[in-house]
Each structure stands twice: as structure tokens, then as C-alpha cells.
Amino acid sequence: RGWCCVDGRVIESSSQDCERRKGLFSYNEKEVRERCQKRGWCCIDGRVIESSSRDCERRKGFFSYDEREVRERCRRR
């Protein structure tokens, strides 16, 4: 058994179960926790991309889990 990131949550899992859930699997818990961040939407330089909040902040963008809100704010800039 190892670790699986599914929908922004880390759970203990077999690789087969994780694959069935369309998750990210590793035997390294730390690696999975670092890579397992709930994804949302980020406006950077007038473009909307799927992103984690941490990555969006690092790139100095506007982040939200609500895609519509990000698209509306992105158009206004």
C-alpha cells in the first residue's frame, strides 16, 4: 500500500485503487502531500488557467475555486 491524492485529499491506498479513482499514487507520502493540492482557477496576465492556490500566489495571480468568478475578474483587469 501507498498513498493516493484524490480530489485534493491524501488517502492510504493501493496503486490499483488509486488508478481506478483517477488519482496520483506514490509510496512516498511526503511527495503525494506536496503534489496534492486542491486545484482551482487562476487569472495571470489576462489568462485563466487551472492551478493550485500556492502556484497562483507564487505567480502573483488571482485565485479562486469558482471558475466563473475568476473569468469575470480576469476580464475586468
PDB file of N, CA and C in Angstrom:
ATOM      1  N   ARG A   1       0.841  -1.200   0.000  1.00  0.00           N
ATOM      2  CA  ARG A   1       0.000   0.000   0.000  1.00  0.00           C
ATOM      3  C   ARG A   1       0.870   1.241   0.000  1.00  0.00           C
ATOM      4  N   GLY A   2       0.287   2.306  -0.549  1.00  0.00           N
ATOM      5  CA  GLY A   2       0.978   3.582  -0.605  1.00  0.00           C
ATOM      6  C   GLY A   2      -0.016   4.697  -0.351  1.00  0.00           C
ATOM      7  N   TRP A   3       0.186   5.803  -1.058  1.00  0.00           N
ATOM      8  CA  TRP A   3      -0.628   7.000  -0.835  1.00  0.00           C
ATOM      9  C   TRP A   3      -1.207   7.495  -2.152  1.00  0.00           C
ATOM     10  N   CYS A   4      -2.425   8.025  -2.071  1.00  0.00           N
ATOM     11  CA  CYS A   4      -3.137   8.466  -3.266  1.00  0.00           C
ATOM     12  C   CYS A   4      -3.750   9.843  -3.028  1.00  0.00           C
ATOM     13  N   CYS A   5      -3.580  10.718  -3.984  1.00  0.00           N
ATOM     14  CA  CYS A   5      -4.217  12.039  -3.946  1.00  0.00           C
ATOM     15  C   CYS A   5      -5.446  11.983  -4.845  1.00  0.00           C
ATOM     16  N   VAL A   6      -6.613  12.189  -4.239  1.00  0.00           N
ATOM     17  CA  VAL A   6      -7.872  12.197  -4.985  1.00  0.00           C
ATOM     18  C   VAL A   6      -8.665  13.419  -4.548  1.00  0.00           C
ATOM     19  N   ASP A   7      -9.029  14.272  -5.503  1.00  0.00           N
ATOM     20  CA  ASP A   7      -9.843  15.462  -5.212  1.00  0.00           C
ATOM     21  C   ASP A   7      -9.250  16.308  -4.088  1.00  0.00           C
ATOM     22  N   GLY A   8      -7.930  16.478  -4.093  1.00  0.00           N
ATOM     23  CA  GLY A   8      -7.285  17.334  -3.105  1.00  0.00           C
ATOM     24  C   GLY A   8      -7.089  16.699  -1.742  1.00  0.00           C
ATOM     25  N   ARG A   9      -7.392  15.391  -1.606  1.00  0.00           N
ATOM     26  CA  ARG A   9      -7.224  14.691  -0.327  1.00  0.00           C
ATOM     27  C   ARG A   9      -6.212  13.566  -0.487  1.00  0.00           C
ATOM     28  N   VAL A  10      -5.428  13.314   0.571  1.00  0.00           N
ATOM     29  CA  VAL A  10      -4.469  12.213   0.565  1.00  0.00           C
ATOM     30  C   VAL A  10      -5.046  11.060   1.381  1.00  0.00           C
ATOM     31  N   ILE A  11      -5.090   9.877   0.760  1.00  0.00           N
ATOM     32  CA  ILE A  11      -5.596   8.687   1.448  1.00  0.00           C
ATOM     33  C   ILE A  11      -4.606   7.540   1.260  1.00  0.00           C
ATOM     34  N   GLU A  12      -4.609   6.604   2.202  1.00  0.00           N
ATOM     35  CA  GLU A  12      -3.810   5.393   2.044  1.00  0.00           C
ATOM     36  C   GLU A  12      -4.541   4.502   1.046  1.00  0.00           C
ATOM     37  N   SER A  13      -3.789   3.906   0.111  1.00  0.00           N
ATOM     38  CA  SER A  13      -4.448   3.209  -0.988  1.00  0.00           C
ATOM     39  C   SER A  13      -3.485   2.253  -1.680  1.00  0.00           C
ATOM     40  N   SER A  14      -4.039   1.320  -2.422  1.00  0.00           N
ATOM     41  CA  SER A  14      -3.229   0.506  -3.336  1.00  0.00           C
ATOM     42  C   SER A  14      -3.093   1.285  -4.641  1.00  0.00           C
ATOM     43  N   SER A  15      -2.094   0.937  -5.431  1.00  0.00           N
ATOM     44  CA  SER A  15      -1.916   1.640  -6.705  1.00  0.00           C
ATOM     45  C   SER A  15      -3.112   1.412  -7.626  1.00  0.00           C
ATOM     46  N   GLN A  16      -3.676   0.191  -7.605  1.00  0.00           N
ATOM     47  CA  GLN A  16      -4.822  -0.116  -8.471  1.00  0.00           C
ATOM     48  C   GLN A  16      -6.053   0.703  -8.078  1.00  0.00           C
ATOM     49  N   ASP A  17      -6.306   0.797  -6.777  1.00  0.00           N
ATOM     50  CA  ASP A  17      -7.462   1.567  -6.311  1.00  0.00           C
ATOM     51  C   ASP A  17      -7.284   3.041  -6.663  1.00  0.00           C
ATOM     52  N   CYS A  18      -6.077   3.546  -6.495  1.00  0.00           N
ATOM     53  CA  CYS A  18      -5.805   4.951  -6.814  1.00  0.00           C
ATOM     54  C   CYS A  18      -6.009   5.211  -8.308  1.00  0.00           C
ATOM     55  N   GLU A  19      -5.516   4.301  -9.131  1.00  0.00           N
ATOM     56  CA  GLU A  19      -5.680   4.443 -10.575  1.00  0.00           C
ATOM     57  C   GLU A  19      -7.159   4.431 -10.948  1.00  0.00           C
ATOM     58  N   ARG A  20      -7.929   3.546 -10.327  1.00  0.00           N
ATOM     59  CA  ARG A  20      -9.371   3.467 -10.596  1.00  0.00           C
ATOM     60  C   ARG A  20     -10.062   4.781 -10.239  1.00  0.00           C
ATOM     61  N   ARG A  21      -9.577   5.433  -9.167  1.00  0.00           N
ATOM     62  CA  ARG A  21     -10.158   6.717  -8.750  1.00  0.00           C
ATOM     63  C   ARG A  21      -9.596   7.902  -9.537  1.00  0.00           C
ATOM     64  N   LYS A  22      -8.663   7.614 -10.462  1.00  0.00           N
ATOM     65  CA  LYS A  22      -8.007   8.643 -11.267  1.00  0.00           C
ATOM     66  C   LYS A  22      -7.188   9.598 -10.392  1.00  0.00           C
ATOM     67  N   GLY A  23      -6.487   9.008  -9.416  1.00  0.00           N
ATOM     68  CA  GLY A  23      -5.672   9.797  -8.504  1.00  0.00           C
ATOM     69  C   GLY A  23      -4.198   9.737  -8.837  1.00  0.00           C
ATOM     70  N   LEU A  24      -3.413  10.432  -8.039  1.00  0.00           N
ATOM     71  CA  LEU A  24      -1.957  10.434  -8.141  1.00  0.00           C
ATOM     72  C   LEU A  24      -1.424   9.510  -7.053  1.00  0.00           C
ATOM     73  N   PHE A  25      -0.665   8.472  -7.436  1.00  0.00           N
ATOM     74  CA  PHE A  25      -0.199   7.468  -6.479  1.00  0.00           C
ATOM     75  C   PHE A  25       1.303   7.530  -6.281  1.00  0.00           C
ATOM     76  N   SER A  26       1.734   7.272  -5.035  1.00  0.00           N
ATOM     77  CA  SER A  26       3.155   7.103  -4.717  1.00  0.00           C
ATOM     78  C   SER A  26       3.278   6.344  -3.404  1.00  0.00           C
ATOM     79  N   TYR A  27       4.413   5.678  -3.240  1.00  0.00           N
ATOM     80  CA  TYR A  27       4.709   5.051  -1.951  1.00  0.00           C
ATOM     81  C   TYR A  27       5.286   6.079  -0.988  1.00  0.00           C
ATOM     82  N   ASN A  28       5.632   7.256  -1.498  1.00  0.00           N
ATOM     83  CA  ASN A  28       6.217   8.324  -0.696  1.00  0.00           C
ATOM     84  C   ASN A  28       5.110   9.295  -0.264  1.00  0.00           C
ATOM     85  N   GLU A  29       4.705   9.222   0.997  1.00  0.00           N
ATOM     86  CA  GLU A  29       3.605  10.061   1.491  1.00  0.00           C
ATOM     87  C   GLU A  29       3.919  11.546   1.345  1.00  0.00           C
ATOM     88  N   LYS A  30       5.154  11.937   1.668  1.00  0.00           N
ATOM     89  CA  LYS A  30       5.538  13.353   1.588  1.00  0.00           C
ATOM     90  C   LYS A  30       5.371  13.886   0.164  1.00  0.00           C
ATOM     91  N   GLU A  31       5.805  13.107  -0.811  1.00  0.00           N
ATOM     92  CA  GLU A  31       5.684  13.516  -2.210  1.00  0.00           C
ATOM     93  C   GLU A  31       4.219  13.725  -2.594  1.00  0.00           C
ATOM     94  N   VAL A  32       3.370  12.789  -2.199  1.00  0.00           N
ATOM     95  CA  VAL A  32       1.950  12.903  -2.541  1.00  0.00           C
ATOM     96  C   VAL A  32       1.349  14.135  -1.873  1.00  0.00           C
ATOM     97  N   ARG A  33       1.660  14.361  -0.602  1.00  0.00           N
ATOM     98  CA  ARG A  33       1.110  15.532   0.103  1.00  0.00           C
ATOM     99  C   ARG A  33       1.556  16.837  -0.549  1.00  0.00           C
ATOM    100  N   GLU A  34       2.806  16.903  -0.991  1.00  0.00           N
ATOM    101  CA  GLU A  34       3.298  18.119  -1.640  1.00  0.00           C
ATOM    102  C   GLU A  34       2.613  18.361  -2.976  1.00  0.00           C
ATOM    103  N   ARG A  35       2.358  17.287  -3.707  1.00  0.00           N
ATOM    104  CA  ARG A  35       1.761  17.421  -5.040  1.00  0.00           C
ATOM    105  C   ARG A  35       0.241  17.439  -5.013  1.00  0.00           C
ATOM    106  N   CYS A  36      -0.342  17.129  -3.854  1.00  0.00           N
ATOM    107  CA  CYS A  36      -1.795  17.004  -3.742  1.00  0.00           C
ATOM    108  C   CYS A  36      -2.390  18.283  -3.174  1.00  0.00           C
ATOM    109  N   GLN A  37      -2.599  19.219  -4.001  1.00  0.00           N
ATOM    110  CA  GLN A  37      -3.260  20.450  -3.588  1.00  0.00           C
ATOM    111  C   GLN A  37      -4.530  20.568  -4.405  1.00  0.00           C
ATOM    112  N   LYS A  38      -5.580  20.927  -3.742  1.00  0.00           N
ATOM    113  CA  LYS A  38      -6.848  21.100  -4.447  1.00  0.00           C
ATOM    114  C   LYS A  38      -6.644  22.128  -5.556  1.00  0.00           C
ATOM    115  N   ARG A  39      -7.125  21.824  -6.732  1.00  0.00           N
ATOM    116  CA  ARG A  39      -6.934  22.704  -7.879  1.00  0.00           C
ATOM    117  C   ARG A  39      -8.143  23.616  -8.028  1.00  0.00           C
ATOM    118  N   GLY A  40      -7.862  24.792  -8.492  1.00  0.00           N
ATOM    119  CA  GLY A  40      -8.891  25.776  -8.762  1.00  0.00           C
ATOM    120  C   GLY A  40      -8.502  26.524 -10.021  1.00  0.00           C
ATOM    121  N   TRP A  41      -8.795  27.824 -10.027  1.00  0.00           N
ATOM    122  CA  TRP A  41      -8.575  28.630 -11.222  1.00  0.00           C
ATOM    123  C   TRP A  41      -7.767  29.865 -10.871  1.00  0.00           C
ATOM    124  N   CYS A  42      -6.914  30.273 -11.799  1.00  0.00           N
ATOM    125  CA  CYS A  42      -6.008  31.393 -11.571  1.00  0.00           C
ATOM    126  C   CYS A  42      -6.018  32.308 -12.788  1.00  0.00           C
ATOM    127  N   CYS A  43      -6.113  33.608 -12.538  1.00  0.00           N
ATOM    128  CA  CYS A  43      -6.006  34.604 -13.604  1.00  0.00           C
ATOM    129  C   CYS A  43      -4.596  35.179 -13.556  1.00  0.00           C
ATOM    130  N   ILE A  44      -3.852  34.980 -14.628  1.00  0.00           N
ATOM    131  CA  ILE A  44      -2.500  35.516 -14.748  1.00  0.00           C
ATOM    132  C   ILE A  44      -2.394  36.219 -16.091  1.00  0.00           C
ATOM    133  N   ASP A  45      -2.075  37.505 -16.051  1.00  0.00           N
ATOM    134  CA  ASP A  45      -1.884  38.280 -17.288  1.00  0.00           C
ATOM    135  C   ASP A  45      -3.059  38.140 -18.251  1.00  0.00           C
ATOM    136  N   GLY A  46      -4.275  38.182 -17.718  1.00  0.00           N
ATOM    137  CA  GLY A  46      -5.461  38.135 -18.560  1.00  0.00           C
ATOM    138  C   GLY A  46      -5.867  36.752 -19.031  1.00  0.00           C
ATOM    139  N   ARG A  47      -5.155  35.721 -18.577  1.00  0.00           N
ATOM    140  CA  ARG A  47      -5.484  34.348 -18.971  1.00  0.00           C
ATOM    141  C   ARG A  47      -5.951  33.565 -17.755  1.00  0.00           C
ATOM    142  N   VAL A  48      -6.907  32.656 -17.944  1.00  0.00           N
ATOM    143  CA  VAL A  48      -7.402  31.800 -16.866  1.00  0.00           C
ATOM    144  C   VAL A  48      -6.824  30.403 -17.074  1.00  0.00           C
ATOM    145  N   ILE A  49      -6.170  29.896 -16.022  1.00  0.00           N
ATOM    146  CA  ILE A  49      -5.596  28.556 -16.085  1.00  0.00           C
ATOM    147  C   ILE A  49      -6.003  27.767 -14.848  1.00  0.00           C
ATOM    148  N   GLU A  50      -6.007  26.446 -14.962  1.00  0.00           N
ATOM    149  CA  GLU A  50      -6.235  25.599 -13.796  1.00  0.00           C
ATOM    150  C   GLU A  50      -4.941  25.579 -12.998  1.00  0.00           C
ATOM    151  N   SER A  51      -5.057  25.710 -11.659  1.00  0.00           N
ATOM    152  CA  SER A  51      -3.862  25.882 -10.836  1.00  0.00           C
ATOM    153  C   SER A  51      -4.148  25.550  -9.378  1.00  0.00           C
ATOM    154  N   SER A  52      -3.092  25.356  -8.610  1.00  0.00           N
ATOM    155  CA  SER A  52      -3.234  25.284  -7.152  1.00  0.00           C
ATOM    156  C   SER A  52      -3.162  26.714  -6.624  1.00  0.00           C
ATOM    157  N   SER A  53      -3.689  26.942  -5.434  1.00  0.00           N
ATOM    158  CA  SER A  53      -3.643  28.294  -4.870  1.00  0.00           C
ATOM    159  C   SER A  53      -2.201  28.727  -4.648  1.00  0.00           C
ATOM    160  N   ARG A  54      -1.350  27.810  -4.190  1.00  0.00           N
ATOM    161  CA  ARG A  54       0.052  28.143  -3.925  1.00  0.00           C
ATOM    162  C   ARG A  54       0.773  28.579  -5.201  1.00  0.00           C
ATOM    163  N   ASP A  55       0.565  27.836  -6.294  1.00  0.00           N
ATOM    164  CA  ASP A  55       1.222  28.179  -7.549  1.00  0.00           C
ATOM    165  C   ASP A  55       0.706  29.511  -8.082  1.00  0.00           C
ATOM    166  N   CYS A  56      -0.586  29.753  -7.949  1.00  0.00           N
ATOM    167  CA  CYS A  56      -1.170  31.012  -8.417  1.00  0.00           C
ATOM    168  C   CYS A  56      -0.604  32.197  -7.636  1.00  0.00           C
ATOM    169  N   GLU A  57      -0.527  32.060  -6.319  1.00  0.00           N
ATOM    170  CA  GLU A  57       0.037  33.136  -5.497  1.00  0.00           C
ATOM    171  C   GLU A  57       1.489  33.398  -5.868  1.00  0.00           C
ATOM    172  N   ARG A  58       2.242  32.330  -6.084  1.00  0.00           N
ATOM    173  CA  ARG A  58       3.651  32.473  -6.448  1.00  0.00           C
ATOM    174  C   ARG A  58       3.798  33.248  -7.761  1.00  0.00           C
ATOM    175  N   ARG A  59       2.834  33.069  -8.658  1.00  0.00           N
ATOM    176  CA  ARG A  59       2.874  33.757  -9.953  1.00  0.00           C
ATOM    177  C   ARG A  59       2.144  35.101  -9.914  1.00  0.00           C
ATOM    178  N   LYS A  60       1.723  35.503  -8.722  1.00  0.00           N
ATOM    179  CA  LYS A  60       1.056  36.791  -8.480  1.00  0.00           C
ATOM    180  C   LYS A  60      -0.257  36.932  -9.246  1.00  0.00           C
ATOM    181  N   GLY A  61      -1.026  35.844  -9.271  1.00  0.00           N
ATOM    182  CA  GLY A  61      -2.318  35.863  -9.944  1.00  0.00           C
ATOM    183  C   GLY A  61      -3.461  35.936  -8.949  1.00  0.00           C
ATOM    184  N   PHE A  62      -4.682  36.000  -9.477  1.00  0.00           N
ATOM    185  CA  PHE A  62      -5.888  35.955  -8.645  1.00  0.00           C
ATOM    186  C   PHE A  62      -6.417  34.529  -8.680  1.00  0.00           C
ATOM    187  N   PHE A  63      -6.662  33.925  -7.492  1.00  0.00           N
ATOM    188  CA  PHE A  63      -7.075  32.527  -7.391  1.00  0.00           C
ATOM    189  C   PHE A  63      -8.456  32.381  -6.776  1.00  0.00           C
ATOM    190  N   SER A  64      -9.226  31.399  -7.288  1.00  0.00           N
ATOM    191  CA  SER A  64     -10.492  31.008  -6.678  1.00  0.00           C
ATOM    192  C   SER A  64     -10.835  29.598  -7.146  1.00  0.00           C
ATOM    193  N   TYR A  65     -11.664  28.903  -6.348  1.00  0.00           N
ATOM    194  CA  TYR A  65     -12.169  27.599  -6.776  1.00  0.00           C
ATOM    195  C   TYR A  65     -13.365  27.773  -7.710  1.00  0.00           C
ATOM    196  N   ASP A  66     -13.877  28.994  -7.816  1.00  0.00           N
ATOM    197  CA  ASP A  66     -15.030  29.313  -8.656  1.00  0.00           C
ATOM    198  C   ASP A  66     -14.530  29.833 -10.008  1.00  0.00           C
ATOM    199  N   GLU A  67     -14.612  29.003 -11.035  1.00  0.00           N
ATOM    200  CA  GLU A  67     -14.090  29.375 -12.349  1.00  0.00           C
ATOM    201  C   GLU A  67     -14.766  30.636 -12.890  1.00  0.00           C
ATOM    202  N   ARG A  68     -16.072  30.743 -12.711  1.00  0.00           N
ATOM    203  CA  ARG A  68     -16.799  31.910 -13.227  1.00  0.00           C
ATOM    204  C   ARG A  68     -16.290  33.203 -12.599  1.00  0.00           C
ATOM    205  N   GLU A  69     -16.070  33.186 -11.284  1.00  0.00           N
ATOM    206  CA  GLU A  69     -15.559  34.372 -10.596  1.00  0.00           C
ATOM    207  C   GLU A  69     -14.196  34.778 -11.156  1.00  0.00           C
ATOM    208  N   VAL A  70     -13.330  33.813 -11.382  1.00  0.00           N
ATOM    209  CA  VAL A  70     -12.000  34.121 -11.913  1.00  0.00           C
ATOM    210  C   VAL A  70     -12.115  34.700 -13.314  1.00  0.00           C
ATOM    211  N   ARG A  71     -12.957  34.103 -14.147  1.00  0.00           N
ATOM    212  CA  ARG A  71     -13.106  34.611 -15.523  1.00  0.00           C
ATOM    213  C   ARG A  71     -13.657  36.037 -15.526  1.00  0.00           C
ATOM    214  N   GLU A  72     -14.630  36.330 -14.654  1.00  0.00           N
ATOM    215  CA  GLU A  72     -15.190  37.686 -14.590  1.00  0.00           C
ATOM    216  C   GLU A  72     -14.139  38.690 -14.134  1.00  0.00           C
ATOM    217  N   ARG A  73     -13.413  38.368 -13.080  1.00  0.00           N
ATOM    218  CA  ARG A  73     -12.374  39.278 -12.582  1.00  0.00           C
ATOM    219  C   ARG A  73     -11.241  39.431 -13.579  1.00  0.00           C
ATOM    220  N   CYS A  74     -10.935  38.389 -14.275  1.00  0.00           N
ATOM    221  CA  CYS A  74      -9.838  38.409 -15.235  1.00  0.00           C
ATOM    222  C   CYS A  74     -10.162  39.349 -16.401  1.00  0.00           C
ATOM    223  N   ARG A  75     -11.425  39.381 -16.807  1.00  0.00           N
ATOM    224  CA  ARG A  75     -11.843  40.264 -17.907  1.00  0.00           C
ATOM    225  C   ARG A  75     -11.759  41.728 -17.516  1.00  0.00           C
ATOM    226  N   ARG A  76     -11.999  42.020 -16.226  1.00  0.00           N
ATOM    227  CA  ARG A  76     -12.030  43.412 -15.760  1.00  0.00           C
ATOM    228  C   ARG A  76     -10.648  44.036 -15.640  1.00  0.00           C
ATOM    229  N   ARG A  77      -9.614  43.230 -15.616  1.00  0.00           N
ATOM    230  CA  ARG A  77      -8.259  43.767 -15.401  1.00  0.00           C
ATOM    231  C   ARG A  77      -7.683  44.363 -16.642  1.00  0.00           C
TER     232      ARG A  77
END
